[in-house]
């Protein structure tokens, strides 16, 4: 085996699925600033996951809509602003004539 190729900062880390709330404790060297108190009473670093085996359709057998970034809401807001701007432009053109 090659020496000095593995990270030395392996530590217990809690991973939390933001879609389902499923959490598990594993060893990792992932960087994070969040911490959480685990079932054993100790505090561990926490990494948020967008999807895990608890929410992935392949493992659950059902389709789930996962909108963790609020993409639909952002799109609806942009569409409303565009529509409002178009209405203002149309009203301005009518007043100008």
N, C-alpha and C. Protein backbone atom coordinates (compact mmCIF):
# COMPACT_ATOMS: atom_id res chain seq x y z
N UNK A 1 0.83 -1.19 0.00
CA UNK A 1 0.00 0.00 0.00
C UNK A 1 0.87 1.24 0.00
N UNK A 2 0.40 2.28 -0.65
CA UNK A 2 1.12 3.54 -0.63
C UNK A 2 0.90 4.22 0.71
N UNK A 3 1.90 4.88 1.19
CA UNK A 3 1.76 5.60 2.46
C UNK A 3 1.42 7.07 2.18
N UNK A 4 0.78 7.68 3.14
CA UNK A 4 0.43 9.11 3.12
C UNK A 4 -0.51 9.51 1.97
N UNK A 5 -1.42 8.64 1.57
CA UNK A 5 -2.38 9.01 0.52
C UNK A 5 -3.79 9.18 1.07
N UNK A 6 -4.03 8.73 2.27
CA UNK A 6 -5.38 8.82 2.85
C UNK A 6 -5.47 10.03 3.77
N UNK A 7 -6.63 10.70 3.80
CA UNK A 7 -6.79 11.84 4.70
C UNK A 7 -6.68 11.40 6.15
N UNK A 8 -6.16 12.29 6.97
CA UNK A 8 -5.98 11.95 8.38
C UNK A 8 -7.08 12.52 9.27
N UNK A 9 -7.99 13.27 8.70
CA UNK A 9 -9.03 13.91 9.52
C UNK A 9 -10.36 13.17 9.49
N UNK A 10 -10.34 11.84 9.39
CA UNK A 10 -11.57 11.06 9.50
C UNK A 10 -12.12 11.22 10.90
N UNK A 11 -13.43 11.44 10.97
CA UNK A 11 -14.10 11.62 12.26
C UNK A 11 -15.56 11.22 12.08
N UNK A 12 -16.27 10.95 13.17
CA UNK A 12 -17.70 10.66 13.04
C UNK A 12 -18.46 11.91 12.57
N UNK A 13 -19.32 11.75 11.60
CA UNK A 13 -20.11 12.84 11.04
C UNK A 13 -21.55 12.36 10.87
N UNK A 14 -22.50 13.23 11.19
CA UNK A 14 -23.92 12.92 10.99
C UNK A 14 -24.33 13.44 9.62
N UNK A 15 -24.96 12.60 8.82
CA UNK A 15 -25.50 12.98 7.53
C UNK A 15 -27.02 13.04 7.64
N UNK A 16 -27.63 14.14 7.15
CA UNK A 16 -29.08 14.30 7.23
C UNK A 16 -29.65 14.56 5.84
N UNK A 17 -30.65 13.77 5.48
CA UNK A 17 -31.35 13.92 4.21
C UNK A 17 -32.38 15.03 4.37
N UNK A 18 -32.24 16.11 3.62
CA UNK A 18 -33.16 17.23 3.76
C UNK A 18 -34.55 16.92 3.22
N UNK A 19 -34.67 15.94 2.34
CA UNK A 19 -35.97 15.59 1.77
C UNK A 19 -36.81 14.75 2.71
N UNK A 20 -36.18 13.81 3.42
CA UNK A 20 -36.96 12.89 4.26
C UNK A 20 -36.69 13.05 5.75
N UNK A 21 -35.62 13.75 6.11
CA UNK A 21 -35.28 13.89 7.53
C UNK A 21 -34.48 12.72 8.08
N UNK A 22 -34.18 11.75 7.25
CA UNK A 22 -33.41 10.57 7.66
C UNK A 22 -31.98 10.97 8.02
N UNK A 23 -31.49 10.51 9.17
CA UNK A 23 -30.13 10.82 9.59
C UNK A 23 -29.37 9.53 9.89
N UNK A 24 -28.06 9.57 9.65
CA UNK A 24 -27.21 8.45 10.02
C UNK A 24 -25.83 8.96 10.36
N UNK A 25 -25.14 8.21 11.22
CA UNK A 25 -23.80 8.56 11.68
C UNK A 25 -22.79 7.67 10.97
N UNK A 26 -21.79 8.29 10.40
CA UNK A 26 -20.75 7.56 9.69
C UNK A 26 -19.44 8.30 9.87
N UNK A 27 -18.36 7.69 9.43
CA UNK A 27 -17.06 8.36 9.49
C UNK A 27 -16.79 9.02 8.15
N UNK A 28 -16.30 10.26 8.21
CA UNK A 28 -16.05 11.02 7.00
C UNK A 28 -15.03 12.11 7.27
N UNK A 29 -14.52 12.69 6.20
CA UNK A 29 -13.65 13.85 6.33
C UNK A 29 -14.29 15.05 5.63
N UNK A 30 -15.61 14.99 5.40
CA UNK A 30 -16.34 16.09 4.77
C UNK A 30 -16.30 17.32 5.67
N UNK A 31 -16.08 18.48 5.03
CA UNK A 31 -16.01 19.73 5.79
C UNK A 31 -17.40 20.30 5.98
N UNK A 32 -17.68 20.81 7.17
CA UNK A 32 -18.97 21.41 7.47
C UNK A 32 -18.83 22.35 8.66
N UNK A 33 -19.74 23.29 8.77
CA UNK A 33 -19.76 24.20 9.91
C UNK A 33 -20.92 23.91 10.85
N UNK A 34 -21.87 23.10 10.40
CA UNK A 34 -23.04 22.76 11.22
C UNK A 34 -22.71 21.62 12.17
N UNK A 35 -23.34 21.65 13.33
CA UNK A 35 -23.23 20.55 14.28
C UNK A 35 -24.62 20.15 14.76
N UNK A 36 -24.70 18.94 15.30
CA UNK A 36 -25.98 18.44 15.80
C UNK A 36 -25.70 17.50 16.96
N UNK A 37 -26.64 17.45 17.91
CA UNK A 37 -26.51 16.52 19.03
C UNK A 37 -27.11 15.19 18.60
N UNK A 38 -26.33 14.13 18.70
CA UNK A 38 -26.74 12.80 18.25
C UNK A 38 -27.42 12.05 19.38
N UNK A 39 -27.96 10.88 19.09
CA UNK A 39 -28.71 10.06 20.04
C UNK A 39 -27.89 9.66 21.26
N UNK A 40 -26.57 9.56 21.12
CA UNK A 40 -25.73 9.16 22.24
C UNK A 40 -25.38 10.33 23.16
N UNK A 41 -25.89 11.53 22.86
CA UNK A 41 -25.66 12.70 23.68
C UNK A 41 -24.44 13.52 23.27
N UNK A 42 -23.64 13.03 22.34
CA UNK A 42 -22.47 13.76 21.86
C UNK A 42 -22.84 14.67 20.70
N UNK A 43 -22.05 15.72 20.51
CA UNK A 43 -22.27 16.63 19.40
C UNK A 43 -21.30 16.30 18.28
N UNK A 44 -21.85 16.18 17.06
CA UNK A 44 -21.06 15.81 15.89
C UNK A 44 -21.27 16.83 14.78
N UNK A 45 -20.31 16.94 13.86
CA UNK A 45 -20.53 17.77 12.67
C UNK A 45 -21.65 17.16 11.83
N UNK A 46 -22.43 18.02 11.14
CA UNK A 46 -23.55 17.54 10.34
C UNK A 46 -23.42 18.00 8.90
N UNK A 47 -23.64 17.09 7.96
CA UNK A 47 -23.63 17.39 6.53
C UNK A 47 -25.05 17.16 6.01
N UNK A 48 -25.60 18.17 5.34
CA UNK A 48 -26.94 18.04 4.76
C UNK A 48 -26.82 17.42 3.38
N UNK A 49 -27.67 16.43 3.10
CA UNK A 49 -27.72 15.75 1.81
C UNK A 49 -29.00 16.15 1.08
N UNK A 50 -28.93 16.31 -0.20
CA UNK A 50 -30.12 16.60 -0.98
C UNK A 50 -30.99 15.38 -1.17
N UNK A 51 -30.34 14.23 -1.24
CA UNK A 51 -31.07 12.98 -1.46
C UNK A 51 -30.23 11.83 -0.91
N UNK A 52 -30.89 10.83 -0.38
CA UNK A 52 -30.20 9.64 0.14
C UNK A 52 -31.05 8.42 -0.19
N UNK A 53 -30.66 7.28 0.32
CA UNK A 53 -31.43 6.06 0.04
C UNK A 53 -32.83 6.13 0.62
N UNK A 54 -33.06 6.99 1.61
CA UNK A 54 -34.39 7.12 2.21
C UNK A 54 -35.35 7.91 1.33
N UNK A 55 -34.83 8.71 0.38
CA UNK A 55 -35.72 9.51 -0.46
C UNK A 55 -35.53 9.27 -1.95
N UNK A 56 -34.57 8.48 -2.35
CA UNK A 56 -34.33 8.23 -3.78
C UNK A 56 -35.37 7.24 -4.31
N UNK A 57 -35.99 7.57 -5.45
CA UNK A 57 -37.05 6.71 -5.99
C UNK A 57 -36.61 5.27 -6.26
N UNK A 58 -35.36 5.06 -6.61
CA UNK A 58 -34.88 3.71 -6.88
C UNK A 58 -34.99 2.83 -5.63
N UNK A 59 -34.67 3.39 -4.47
CA UNK A 59 -34.69 2.62 -3.23
C UNK A 59 -36.07 2.59 -2.58
N UNK A 60 -36.85 3.66 -2.75
CA UNK A 60 -38.16 3.71 -2.10
C UNK A 60 -39.25 3.07 -2.93
N UNK A 61 -39.06 3.02 -4.25
CA UNK A 61 -40.07 2.44 -5.12
C UNK A 61 -41.20 3.39 -5.44
N UNK A 62 -41.10 4.64 -5.02
CA UNK A 62 -42.12 5.63 -5.32
C UNK A 62 -41.48 6.93 -5.75
N UNK A 63 -42.19 7.65 -6.57
CA UNK A 63 -41.69 8.91 -7.07
C UNK A 63 -41.99 9.99 -6.04
N UNK A 64 -40.99 10.80 -5.69
CA UNK A 64 -41.17 11.91 -4.76
C UNK A 64 -40.74 13.18 -5.45
N UNK A 65 -41.48 14.26 -5.22
CA UNK A 65 -41.07 15.56 -5.72
C UNK A 65 -40.17 16.19 -4.67
N UNK A 66 -38.92 16.42 -5.03
CA UNK A 66 -37.96 17.01 -4.11
C UNK A 66 -37.56 18.37 -4.65
N UNK A 67 -37.96 19.41 -3.96
CA UNK A 67 -37.64 20.77 -4.37
C UNK A 67 -36.88 21.44 -3.24
N UNK A 68 -35.63 21.04 -3.05
CA UNK A 68 -34.86 21.55 -1.93
C UNK A 68 -34.39 22.97 -2.13
N UNK A 69 -34.24 23.39 -3.36
CA UNK A 69 -33.72 24.73 -3.61
C UNK A 69 -34.84 25.73 -3.85
N UNK A 70 -36.09 25.32 -3.84
CA UNK A 70 -37.20 26.24 -4.07
C UNK A 70 -37.26 26.70 -5.52
N UNK A 71 -36.86 25.85 -6.43
CA UNK A 71 -36.77 26.23 -7.84
C UNK A 71 -38.12 26.64 -8.42
N UNK A 72 -39.16 25.93 -8.03
CA UNK A 72 -40.49 26.24 -8.56
C UNK A 72 -40.93 27.61 -8.08
N UNK A 73 -40.73 27.90 -6.80
CA UNK A 73 -41.10 29.21 -6.26
C UNK A 73 -40.31 30.33 -6.94
N UNK A 74 -39.02 30.13 -7.14
CA UNK A 74 -38.20 31.14 -7.80
C UNK A 74 -38.69 31.39 -9.22
N UNK A 75 -39.04 30.31 -9.92
CA UNK A 75 -39.54 30.45 -11.28
C UNK A 75 -40.85 31.24 -11.29
N UNK A 76 -41.76 30.91 -10.39
CA UNK A 76 -43.05 31.61 -10.33
C UNK A 76 -42.85 33.09 -10.03
N UNK A 77 -41.91 33.43 -9.15
CA UNK A 77 -41.64 34.83 -8.85
C UNK A 77 -41.09 35.57 -10.07
N UNK A 78 -40.16 34.93 -10.78
CA UNK A 78 -39.60 35.56 -11.99
C UNK A 78 -40.69 35.75 -13.05
N UNK A 79 -41.56 34.76 -13.19
CA UNK A 79 -42.63 34.86 -14.18
C UNK A 79 -43.60 35.99 -13.82
N UNK A 80 -43.91 36.14 -12.54
CA UNK A 80 -44.81 37.21 -12.11
C UNK A 80 -44.18 38.58 -12.36
N UNK A 81 -42.88 38.72 -12.09
CA UNK A 81 -42.19 39.99 -12.33
C UNK A 81 -42.18 40.32 -13.82
N UNK A 82 -41.93 39.32 -14.64
CA UNK A 82 -41.91 39.54 -16.09
C UNK A 82 -43.28 39.97 -16.59
N UNK A 83 -44.31 39.32 -16.12
CA UNK A 83 -45.67 39.66 -16.54
C UNK A 83 -46.01 41.08 -16.11
N UNK A 84 -45.63 41.43 -14.89
CA UNK A 84 -45.89 42.78 -14.39
C UNK A 84 -45.14 43.82 -15.22
N UNK A 85 -43.89 43.54 -15.57
CA UNK A 85 -43.10 44.47 -16.38
C UNK A 85 -43.71 44.63 -17.77
N UNK A 86 -44.21 43.53 -18.34
CA UNK A 86 -44.84 43.60 -19.66
C UNK A 86 -46.12 44.43 -19.61
N UNK A 87 -46.90 44.27 -18.55
CA UNK A 87 -48.13 45.05 -18.41
C UNK A 87 -47.83 46.53 -18.25
N UNK A 88 -46.79 46.86 -17.49
CA UNK A 88 -46.40 48.27 -17.32
C UNK A 88 -45.94 48.86 -18.65
N UNK A 89 -45.18 48.09 -19.41
CA UNK A 89 -44.70 48.58 -20.70
C UNK A 89 -45.86 48.81 -21.65
N UNK A 90 -46.83 47.91 -21.65
CA UNK A 90 -48.00 48.06 -22.51
C UNK A 90 -48.81 49.28 -22.10
N UNK A 91 -49.01 49.48 -20.81
CA UNK A 91 -49.75 50.64 -20.32
C UNK A 91 -49.02 51.93 -20.65
N UNK A 92 -47.72 51.94 -20.56
CA UNK A 92 -46.92 53.12 -20.87
C UNK A 92 -47.05 53.48 -22.35
N UNK A 93 -47.00 52.46 -23.22
CA UNK A 93 -47.14 52.69 -24.66
C UNK A 93 -48.51 53.27 -25.00
N UNK A 94 -49.54 52.78 -24.31
CA UNK A 94 -50.91 53.27 -24.57
C UNK A 94 -51.04 54.71 -24.12
N UNK A 95 -50.42 55.08 -22.99
CA UNK A 95 -50.49 56.45 -22.50
C UNK A 95 -49.72 57.40 -23.42
N UNK A 96 -48.65 56.90 -24.01
CA UNK A 96 -47.79 57.72 -24.84
C UNK A 96 -48.48 58.07 -26.15
N UNK A 97 -49.35 57.24 -26.66
CA UNK A 97 -50.03 57.48 -27.94
C UNK A 97 -51.04 58.54 -27.78
